[in-house]
């Protein structure tokens, strides 16, 4: 089952986001405006529009990653 979460990041938070995503042993995608990138790629994530919410999609579980996403989650 694919899990989708909506977060808000600033450019200064990208390094921490990619570091946490890289520790996951499953694929993590980040997308907005119909543009999807590998969330483990710092260059890919920097290509996203930070003025818009970012959808994070993944299939797996990592507690540190879940905690990070919860800290940056947008209320839906």
PDB file of N, CA and C in Angstrom:
ATOM      1  N   UNK A   1       0.835  -1.173   0.000  1.00  0.00           N
ATOM      2  CA  UNK A   1       0.000   0.000   0.000  1.00  0.00           C
ATOM      3  C   UNK A   1       0.890   1.251   0.000  1.00  0.00           C
ATOM      4  N   UNK A   2       0.616   2.145  -0.913  1.00  0.00           N
ATOM      5  CA  UNK A   2       1.366   3.391  -0.986  1.00  0.00           C
ATOM      6  C   UNK A   2       0.820   4.385   0.030  1.00  0.00           C
ATOM      7  N   UNK A   3       1.733   4.992   0.772  1.00  0.00           N
ATOM      8  CA  UNK A   3       1.375   6.005   1.759  1.00  0.00           C
ATOM      9  C   UNK A   3       1.704   7.359   1.161  1.00  0.00           C
ATOM     10  N   UNK A   4       0.776   8.305   1.261  1.00  0.00           N
ATOM     11  CA  UNK A   4       0.976   9.666   0.769  1.00  0.00           C
ATOM     12  C   UNK A   4       0.818  10.641   1.924  1.00  0.00           C
ATOM     13  N   UNK A   5       1.773  11.539   2.058  1.00  0.00           N
ATOM     14  CA  UNK A   5       1.689  12.588   3.071  1.00  0.00           C
ATOM     15  C   UNK A   5       2.029  13.908   2.407  1.00  0.00           C
ATOM     16  N   UNK A   6       1.397  14.964   2.870  1.00  0.00           N
ATOM     17  CA  UNK A   6       1.624  16.300   2.344  1.00  0.00           C
ATOM     18  C   UNK A   6       2.441  17.082   3.374  1.00  0.00           C
ATOM     19  N   UNK A   7       3.563  17.641   2.911  1.00  0.00           N
ATOM     20  CA  UNK A   7       4.431  18.398   3.804  1.00  0.00           C
ATOM     21  C   UNK A   7       4.767  19.742   3.183  1.00  0.00           C
ATOM     22  N   UNK A   8       5.343  20.601   3.978  1.00  0.00           N
ATOM     23  CA  UNK A   8       5.839  21.898   3.504  1.00  0.00           C
ATOM     24  C   UNK A   8       7.307  21.975   3.889  1.00  0.00           C
ATOM     25  N   UNK A   9       8.169  22.259   2.919  1.00  0.00           N
ATOM     26  CA  UNK A   9       9.605  22.397   3.155  1.00  0.00           C
ATOM     27  C   UNK A   9      10.089  23.741   2.645  1.00  0.00           C
ATOM     28  N   UNK A  10      11.133  24.228   3.258  1.00  0.00           N
ATOM     29  CA  UNK A  10      11.837  25.394   2.742  1.00  0.00           C
ATOM     30  C   UNK A  10      13.151  24.891   2.141  1.00  0.00           C
ATOM     31  N   UNK A  11      13.781  25.658   1.281  1.00  0.00           N
ATOM     32  CA  UNK A  11      15.055  25.206   0.709  1.00  0.00           C
ATOM     33  C   UNK A  11      16.098  24.849   1.777  1.00  0.00           C
ATOM     34  N   UNK A  12      16.076  25.536   2.909  1.00  0.00           N
ATOM     35  CA  UNK A  12      17.059  25.246   3.964  1.00  0.00           C
ATOM     36  C   UNK A  12      16.805  23.900   4.650  1.00  0.00           C
ATOM     37  N   UNK A  13      15.633  23.304   4.448  1.00  0.00           N
ATOM     38  CA  UNK A  13      15.301  22.022   5.076  1.00  0.00           C
ATOM     39  C   UNK A  13      15.545  20.824   4.158  1.00  0.00           C
ATOM     40  N   UNK A  14      15.932  21.076   2.920  1.00  0.00           N
ATOM     41  CA  UNK A  14      16.088  19.995   1.943  1.00  0.00           C
ATOM     42  C   UNK A  14      17.155  18.987   2.366  1.00  0.00           C
ATOM     43  N   UNK A  15      18.300  19.458   2.832  1.00  0.00           N
ATOM     44  CA  UNK A  15      19.379  18.543   3.208  1.00  0.00           C
ATOM     45  C   UNK A  15      18.913  17.567   4.287  1.00  0.00           C
ATOM     46  N   UNK A  16      18.219  18.062   5.318  1.00  0.00           N
ATOM     47  CA  UNK A  16      17.732  17.182   6.380  1.00  0.00           C
ATOM     48  C   UNK A  16      16.700  16.187   5.845  1.00  0.00           C
ATOM     49  N   UNK A  17      15.796  16.668   4.978  1.00  0.00           N
ATOM     50  CA  UNK A  17      14.779  15.798   4.400  1.00  0.00           C
ATOM     51  C   UNK A  17      15.424  14.663   3.602  1.00  0.00           C
ATOM     52  N   UNK A  18      16.374  14.997   2.739  1.00  0.00           N
ATOM     53  CA  UNK A  18      17.042  13.987   1.908  1.00  0.00           C
ATOM     54  C   UNK A  18      17.839  13.021   2.786  1.00  0.00           C
ATOM     55  N   UNK A  19      18.486  13.521   3.827  1.00  0.00           N
ATOM     56  CA  UNK A  19      19.249  12.661   4.734  1.00  0.00           C
ATOM     57  C   UNK A  19      18.345  11.631   5.399  1.00  0.00           C
ATOM     58  N   UNK A  20      17.190  12.064   5.874  1.00  0.00           N
ATOM     59  CA  UNK A  20      16.262  11.134   6.526  1.00  0.00           C
ATOM     60  C   UNK A  20      15.685  10.151   5.504  1.00  0.00           C
ATOM     61  N   UNK A  21      15.333  10.638   4.316  1.00  0.00           N
ATOM     62  CA  UNK A  21      14.774   9.763   3.273  1.00  0.00           C
ATOM     63  C   UNK A  21      15.786   8.715   2.832  1.00  0.00           C
ATOM     64  N   UNK A  22      17.050   9.087   2.765  1.00  0.00           N
ATOM     65  CA  UNK A  22      18.100   8.168   2.323  1.00  0.00           C
ATOM     66  C   UNK A  22      18.258   6.985   3.272  1.00  0.00           C
ATOM     67  N   UNK A  23      17.922   7.157   4.521  1.00  0.00           N
ATOM     68  CA  UNK A  23      18.037   6.081   5.508  1.00  0.00           C
ATOM     69  C   UNK A  23      16.930   5.041   5.375  1.00  0.00           C
ATOM     70  N   UNK A  24      15.938   5.323   4.547  1.00  0.00           N
ATOM     71  CA  UNK A  24      14.836   4.373   4.321  1.00  0.00           C
ATOM     72  C   UNK A  24      15.287   3.299   3.340  1.00  0.00           C
ATOM     73  N   UNK A  25      14.893   2.057   3.599  1.00  0.00           N
ATOM     74  CA  UNK A  25      15.256   0.954   2.709  1.00  0.00           C
ATOM     75  C   UNK A  25      14.164   0.678   1.672  1.00  0.00           C
ATOM     76  N   UNK A  26      13.412   1.720   1.330  1.00  0.00           N
ATOM     77  CA  UNK A  26      12.354   1.638   0.324  1.00  0.00           C
ATOM     78  C   UNK A  26      12.383   2.930  -0.486  1.00  0.00           C
ATOM     79  N   UNK A  27      11.720   2.915  -1.644  1.00  0.00           N
ATOM     80  CA  UNK A  27      11.689   4.098  -2.503  1.00  0.00           C
ATOM     81  C   UNK A  27      10.813   5.184  -1.890  1.00  0.00           C
ATOM     82  N   UNK A  28      11.259   6.415  -2.031  1.00  0.00           N
ATOM     83  CA  UNK A  28      10.503   7.577  -1.560  1.00  0.00           C
ATOM     84  C   UNK A  28      10.473   8.589  -2.705  1.00  0.00           C
ATOM     85  N   UNK A  29       9.277   9.020  -3.068  1.00  0.00           N
ATOM     86  CA  UNK A  29       9.109  10.023  -4.118  1.00  0.00           C
ATOM     87  C   UNK A  29       8.550  11.297  -3.518  1.00  0.00           C
ATOM     88  N   UNK A  30       8.932  12.421  -4.096  1.00  0.00           N
ATOM     89  CA  UNK A  30       8.397  13.724  -3.705  1.00  0.00           C
ATOM     90  C   UNK A  30       7.875  14.387  -4.966  1.00  0.00           C
ATOM     91  N   UNK A  31       6.712  15.037  -4.859  1.00  0.00           N
ATOM     92  CA  UNK A  31       6.133  15.634  -6.063  1.00  0.00           C
ATOM     93  C   UNK A  31       5.302  16.868  -5.737  1.00  0.00           C
ATOM     94  N   UNK A  32       5.214  17.726  -6.734  1.00  0.00           N
ATOM     95  CA  UNK A  32       4.232  18.814  -6.767  1.00  0.00           C
ATOM     96  C   UNK A  32       4.142  19.299  -8.202  1.00  0.00           C
ATOM     97  N   UNK A  33       2.994  19.861  -8.528  1.00  0.00           N
ATOM     98  CA  UNK A  33       2.756  20.355  -9.889  1.00  0.00           C
ATOM     99  C   UNK A  33       3.042  19.300 -10.958  1.00  0.00           C
ATOM    100  N   UNK A  34       2.623  18.079 -10.723  1.00  0.00           N
ATOM    101  CA  UNK A  34       2.800  16.956 -11.662  1.00  0.00           C
ATOM    102  C   UNK A  34       4.262  16.648 -11.971  1.00  0.00           C
ATOM    103  N   UNK A  35       5.176  17.053 -11.113  1.00  0.00           N
ATOM    104  CA  UNK A  35       6.606  16.807 -11.268  1.00  0.00           C
ATOM    105  C   UNK A  35       7.037  15.917 -10.105  1.00  0.00           C
ATOM    106  N   UNK A  36       7.512  14.704 -10.404  1.00  0.00           N
ATOM    107  CA  UNK A  36       7.885  13.747  -9.360  1.00  0.00           C
ATOM    108  C   UNK A  36       9.381  13.478  -9.422  1.00  0.00           C
ATOM    109  N   UNK A  37      10.014  13.468  -8.236  1.00  0.00           N
ATOM    110  CA  UNK A  37      11.455  13.232  -8.144  1.00  0.00           C
ATOM    111  C   UNK A  37      11.727  12.183  -7.070  1.00  0.00           C
ATOM    112  N   UNK A  38      12.916  11.618  -7.133  1.00  0.00           N
ATOM    113  CA  UNK A  38      13.394  10.708  -6.100  1.00  0.00           C
ATOM    114  C   UNK A  38      13.727  11.559  -4.875  1.00  0.00           C
ATOM    115  N   UNK A  39      13.067  11.284  -3.753  1.00  0.00           N
ATOM    116  CA  UNK A  39      13.277  12.090  -2.550  1.00  0.00           C
ATOM    117  C   UNK A  39      14.658  11.876  -1.936  1.00  0.00           C
ATOM    118  N   UNK A  40      15.403  10.906  -2.433  1.00  0.00           N
ATOM    119  CA  UNK A  40      16.757  10.663  -1.937  1.00  0.00           C
ATOM    120  C   UNK A  40      17.794  11.431  -2.750  1.00  0.00           C
ATOM    121  N   UNK A  41      17.328  12.234  -3.704  1.00  0.00           N
ATOM    122  CA  UNK A  41      18.204  13.030  -4.564  1.00  0.00           C
ATOM    123  C   UNK A  41      18.102  14.503  -4.178  1.00  0.00           C
ATOM    124  N   UNK A  42      19.173  15.047  -3.654  1.00  0.00           N
ATOM    125  CA  UNK A  42      19.135  16.452  -3.230  1.00  0.00           C
ATOM    126  C   UNK A  42      18.878  17.381  -4.417  1.00  0.00           C
ATOM    127  N   UNK A  43      19.462  17.069  -5.573  1.00  0.00           N
ATOM    128  CA  UNK A  43      19.218  17.898  -6.756  1.00  0.00           C
ATOM    129  C   UNK A  43      17.775  17.783  -7.221  1.00  0.00           C
ATOM    130  N   UNK A  44      17.229  16.569  -7.155  1.00  0.00           N
ATOM    131  CA  UNK A  44      15.836  16.380  -7.540  1.00  0.00           C
ATOM    132  C   UNK A  44      14.894  17.170  -6.652  1.00  0.00           C
ATOM    133  N   UNK A  45      15.096  17.084  -5.347  1.00  0.00           N
ATOM    134  CA  UNK A  45      14.214  17.785  -4.410  1.00  0.00           C
ATOM    135  C   UNK A  45      14.347  19.299  -4.577  1.00  0.00           C
ATOM    136  N   UNK A  46      15.561  19.787  -4.839  1.00  0.00           N
ATOM    137  CA  UNK A  46      15.729  21.227  -5.069  1.00  0.00           C
ATOM    138  C   UNK A  46      14.992  21.687  -6.321  1.00  0.00           C
ATOM    139  N   UNK A  47      14.636  20.775  -7.223  1.00  0.00           N
ATOM    140  CA  UNK A  47      13.891  21.128  -8.423  1.00  0.00           C
ATOM    141  C   UNK A  47      12.411  21.358  -8.174  1.00  0.00           C
ATOM    142  N   UNK A  48      11.934  21.047  -6.967  1.00  0.00           N
ATOM    143  CA  UNK A  48      10.518  21.240  -6.650  1.00  0.00           C
ATOM    144  C   UNK A  48      10.226  22.700  -6.314  1.00  0.00           C
ATOM    145  N   UNK A  49       8.957  23.058  -6.413  1.00  0.00           N
ATOM    146  CA  UNK A  49       8.498  24.413  -6.097  1.00  0.00           C
ATOM    147  C   UNK A  49       8.168  24.469  -4.605  1.00  0.00           C
ATOM    148  N   UNK A  50       8.999  25.151  -3.825  1.00  0.00           N
ATOM    149  CA  UNK A  50       8.817  25.195  -2.374  1.00  0.00           C
ATOM    150  C   UNK A  50       7.688  26.115  -1.937  1.00  0.00           C
ATOM    151  N   UNK A  51       7.106  26.843  -2.864  1.00  0.00           N
ATOM    152  CA  UNK A  51       5.940  27.675  -2.526  1.00  0.00           C
ATOM    153  C   UNK A  51       4.687  26.812  -2.437  1.00  0.00           C
ATOM    154  N   UNK A  52       4.757  25.608  -2.974  1.00  0.00           N
ATOM    155  CA  UNK A  52       3.625  24.691  -2.997  1.00  0.00           C
ATOM    156  C   UNK A  52       3.855  23.547  -2.009  1.00  0.00           C
ATOM    157  N   UNK A  53       2.783  22.926  -1.519  1.00  0.00           N
ATOM    158  CA  UNK A  53       2.939  21.724  -0.691  1.00  0.00           C
ATOM    159  C   UNK A  53       3.602  20.611  -1.499  1.00  0.00           C
ATOM    160  N   UNK A  54       4.313  19.752  -0.815  1.00  0.00           N
ATOM    161  CA  UNK A  54       5.009  18.633  -1.449  1.00  0.00           C
ATOM    162  C   UNK A  54       4.348  17.332  -1.005  1.00  0.00           C
ATOM    163  N   UNK A  55       4.000  16.493  -1.987  1.00  0.00           N
ATOM    164  CA  UNK A  55       3.428  15.183  -1.669  1.00  0.00           C
ATOM    165  C   UNK A  55       4.563  14.171  -1.617  1.00  0.00           C
ATOM    166  N   UNK A  56       4.650  13.462  -0.502  1.00  0.00           N
ATOM    167  CA  UNK A  56       5.667  12.423  -0.314  1.00  0.00           C
ATOM    168  C   UNK A  56       4.956  11.074  -0.391  1.00  0.00           C
ATOM    169  N   UNK A  57       5.415  10.210  -1.282  1.00  0.00           N
ATOM    170  CA  UNK A  57       4.808   8.889  -1.493  1.00  0.00           C
ATOM    171  C   UNK A  57       5.847   7.811  -1.234  1.00  0.00           C
ATOM    172  N   UNK A  58       5.450   6.780  -0.510  1.00  0.00           N
ATOM    173  CA  UNK A  58       6.383   5.697  -0.188  1.00  0.00           C
ATOM    174  C   UNK A  58       5.617   4.451   0.218  1.00  0.00           C
ATOM    175  N   UNK A  59       6.329   3.331   0.212  1.00  0.00           N
ATOM    176  CA  UNK A  59       5.752   2.035   0.594  1.00  0.00           C
ATOM    177  C   UNK A  59       6.732   1.364   1.545  1.00  0.00           C
ATOM    178  N   UNK A  60       6.599   1.631   2.818  1.00  0.00           N
ATOM    179  CA  UNK A  60       7.483   1.064   3.812  1.00  0.00           C
ATOM    180  C   UNK A  60       7.334   1.808   5.114  1.00  0.00           C
ATOM    181  N   UNK A  61       8.168   1.453   6.094  1.00  0.00           N
ATOM    182  CA  UNK A  61       8.087   2.114   7.390  1.00  0.00           C
ATOM    183  C   UNK A  61       9.480   2.334   7.951  1.00  0.00           C
ATOM    184  N   UNK A  62       9.716   3.571   8.394  1.00  0.00           N
ATOM    185  CA  UNK A  62      10.938   3.954   9.095  1.00  0.00           C
ATOM    186  C   UNK A  62      10.511   5.002  10.119  1.00  0.00           C
ATOM    187  N   UNK A  63      10.709   4.727  11.404  1.00  0.00           N
ATOM    188  CA  UNK A  63      10.195   5.610  12.453  1.00  0.00           C
ATOM    189  C   UNK A  63      10.779   7.018  12.372  1.00  0.00           C
ATOM    190  N   UNK A  64      12.068   7.139  12.101  1.00  0.00           N
ATOM    191  CA  UNK A  64      12.676   8.472  11.983  1.00  0.00           C
ATOM    192  C   UNK A  64      12.052   9.265  10.841  1.00  0.00           C
ATOM    193  N   UNK A  65      11.804   8.584   9.719  1.00  0.00           N
ATOM    194  CA  UNK A  65      11.179   9.231   8.565  1.00  0.00           C
ATOM    195  C   UNK A  65       9.754   9.665   8.914  1.00  0.00           C
ATOM    196  N   UNK A  66       8.996   8.798   9.570  1.00  0.00           N
ATOM    197  CA  UNK A  66       7.633   9.148   9.987  1.00  0.00           C
ATOM    198  C   UNK A  66       7.644  10.363  10.906  1.00  0.00           C
ATOM    199  N   UNK A  67       8.575  10.396  11.857  1.00  0.00           N
ATOM    200  CA  UNK A  67       8.672  11.534  12.777  1.00  0.00           C
ATOM    201  C   UNK A  67       8.974  12.823  12.020  1.00  0.00           C
ATOM    202  N   UNK A  68       9.895  12.744  11.048  1.00  0.00           N
ATOM    203  CA  UNK A  68      10.251  13.926  10.260  1.00  0.00           C
ATOM    204  C   UNK A  68       9.033  14.428   9.477  1.00  0.00           C
ATOM    205  N   UNK A  69       8.321  13.501   8.835  1.00  0.00           N
ATOM    206  CA  UNK A  69       7.147  13.897   8.065  1.00  0.00           C
ATOM    207  C   UNK A  69       6.082  14.518   8.962  1.00  0.00           C
ATOM    208  N   UNK A  70       5.895  13.954  10.149  1.00  0.00           N
ATOM    209  CA  UNK A  70       4.896  14.503  11.077  1.00  0.00           C
ATOM    210  C   UNK A  70       5.264  15.925  11.501  1.00  0.00           C
ATOM    211  N   UNK A  71       6.537  16.201  11.668  1.00  0.00           N
ATOM    212  CA  UNK A  71       6.989  17.552  12.056  1.00  0.00           C
ATOM    213  C   UNK A  71       6.702  18.586  10.968  1.00  0.00           C
ATOM    214  N   UNK A  72       6.695  18.142   9.706  1.00  0.00           N
ATOM    215  CA  UNK A  72       6.533  19.064   8.579  1.00  0.00           C
ATOM    216  C   UNK A  72       5.201  18.908   7.867  1.00  0.00           C
ATOM    217  N   UNK A  73       4.284  18.129   8.453  1.00  0.00           N
ATOM    218  CA  UNK A  73       2.999  17.864   7.818  1.00  0.00           C
ATOM    219  C   UNK A  73       2.121  19.107   7.778  1.00  0.00           C
ATOM    220  N   UNK A  74       1.344  19.208   6.720  1.00  0.00           N
ATOM    221  CA  UNK A  74       0.330  20.254   6.626  1.00  0.00           C
ATOM    222  C   UNK A  74      -0.971  19.690   7.142  1.00  0.00           C
ATOM    223  N   UNK A  75      -1.713  20.482   7.862  1.00  0.00           N
ATOM    224  CA  UNK A  75      -3.032  20.043   8.348  1.00  0.00           C
ATOM    225  C   UNK A  75      -3.968  19.926   7.147  1.00  0.00           C
ATOM    226  N   UNK A  76      -4.598  18.782   7.020  1.00  0.00           N
ATOM    227  CA  UNK A  76      -5.514  18.567   5.896  1.00  0.00           C
ATOM    228  C   UNK A  76      -6.939  18.478   6.384  1.00  0.00           C
TER     229      UNK A  76
END
